[in-house]
Amino acid sequence: MNEYQAFYEMVKYWTMNDYRTQAIKSEVIIDMLISDFIEEMVTAKLSEFDSKIS
């Protein structure tokens, strides 16, 4: 399983589990899930953008 598939499966698992928790809004769930990965996501996109410019 590649890193994108693993990330997707983790997000899917926790979203489905947390969906049943009435007190938590979806924005909070997504924030908690991506907060550990946001730096890598932004860096990857910026690198992709830089390579297209060069």
C-alpha atoms as a PDB file:
ATOM      1  CA  MET A   1       0.000   0.000   0.000  1.00  0.00           C
ATOM      2  CA  ASN A   2       1.475   3.364  -0.958  1.00  0.00           C
ATOM      3  CA  GLU A   3       1.498   6.402   1.322  1.00  0.00           C
ATOM      4  CA  TYR A   4      -1.496   8.032  -0.380  1.00  0.00           C
ATOM      5  CA  GLN A   5      -3.622   4.923  -0.039  1.00  0.00           C
ATOM      6  CA  ALA A   6      -2.589   4.544   3.611  1.00  0.00           C
ATOM      7  CA  PHE A   7      -3.496   8.187   4.288  1.00  0.00           C
ATOM      8  CA  TYR A   8      -6.843   7.779   2.530  1.00  0.00           C
ATOM      9  CA  GLU A   9      -7.662   4.630   4.484  1.00  0.00           C
ATOM     10  CA  MET A  10      -6.778   6.338   7.783  1.00  0.00           C
ATOM     11  CA  VAL A  11      -8.958   9.359   6.987  1.00  0.00           C
ATOM     12  CA  LYS A  12     -11.824   7.135   5.893  1.00  0.00           C
ATOM     13  CA  TYR A  13     -11.593   5.001   9.035  1.00  0.00           C
ATOM     14  CA  TRP A  14     -11.540   7.916  11.477  1.00  0.00           C
ATOM     15  CA  THR A  15     -14.175   9.896   9.597  1.00  0.00           C
ATOM     16  CA  MET A  16     -16.579   6.980   9.735  1.00  0.00           C
ATOM     17  CA  ASN A  17     -15.861   6.406  13.435  1.00  0.00           C
ATOM     18  CA  ASP A  18     -16.135  10.072  14.373  1.00  0.00           C
ATOM     19  CA  TYR A  19     -19.226  10.593  12.204  1.00  0.00           C
ATOM     20  CA  ARG A  20     -21.246   8.824  14.858  1.00  0.00           C
ATOM     21  CA  THR A  21     -20.109  11.325  17.518  1.00  0.00           C
ATOM     22  CA  GLN A  22     -22.839  13.939  17.487  1.00  0.00           C
ATOM     23  CA  ALA A  23     -20.902  16.621  19.368  1.00  0.00           C
ATOM     24  CA  ILE A  24     -18.023  16.883  16.877  1.00  0.00           C
ATOM     25  CA  LYS A  25     -18.402  18.796  13.625  1.00  0.00           C
ATOM     26  CA  SER A  26     -16.836  17.472  10.441  1.00  0.00           C
ATOM     27  CA  GLU A  27     -14.444  20.459  10.245  1.00  0.00           C
ATOM     28  CA  VAL A  28     -12.938  19.481  13.582  1.00  0.00           C
ATOM     29  CA  ILE A  29     -12.581  15.866  12.496  1.00  0.00           C
ATOM     30  CA  ILE A  30     -10.816  16.809   9.258  1.00  0.00           C
ATOM     31  CA  ASP A  31      -8.582  19.294  11.098  1.00  0.00           C
ATOM     32  CA  MET A  32      -7.509  16.634  13.584  1.00  0.00           C
ATOM     33  CA  LEU A  33      -6.818  14.145  10.804  1.00  0.00           C
ATOM     34  CA  ILE A  34      -4.731  16.368   8.537  1.00  0.00           C
ATOM     35  CA  SER A  35      -2.891  18.421  11.166  1.00  0.00           C
ATOM     36  CA  ASP A  36      -0.063  15.866  11.304  1.00  0.00           C
ATOM     37  CA  PHE A  37       0.279  15.876   7.508  1.00  0.00           C
ATOM     38  CA  ILE A  38      -0.378  19.466   6.453  1.00  0.00           C
ATOM     39  CA  GLU A  39       3.301  20.442   6.324  1.00  0.00           C
ATOM     40  CA  GLU A  40       4.110  17.516   4.026  1.00  0.00           C
ATOM     41  CA  MET A  41       1.068  18.218   1.848  1.00  0.00           C
ATOM     42  CA  VAL A  42       1.934  21.884   1.366  1.00  0.00           C
ATOM     43  CA  THR A  43       5.621  21.114   0.754  1.00  0.00           C
ATOM     44  CA  ALA A  44       4.711  18.526  -1.884  1.00  0.00           C
ATOM     45  CA  LYS A  45       2.408  20.939  -3.701  1.00  0.00           C
ATOM     46  CA  LEU A  46       4.944  23.782  -3.557  1.00  0.00           C
ATOM     47  CA  SER A  47       7.655  21.468  -4.912  1.00  0.00           C
ATOM     48  CA  GLU A  48       5.313  20.426  -7.704  1.00  0.00           C
ATOM     49  CA  PHE A  49       4.563  24.083  -8.458  1.00  0.00           C
ATOM     50  CA  ASP A  50       8.265  25.014  -8.440  1.00  0.00           C
ATOM     51  CA  SER A  51       9.129  22.219 -10.860  1.00  0.00           C
ATOM     52  CA  LYS A  52       6.456  23.442 -13.315  1.00  0.00           C
ATOM     53  CA  ILE A  53       7.815  27.001 -13.185  1.00  0.00           C
ATOM     54  CA  SER A  54      11.448  26.004 -13.740  1.00  0.00           C
END
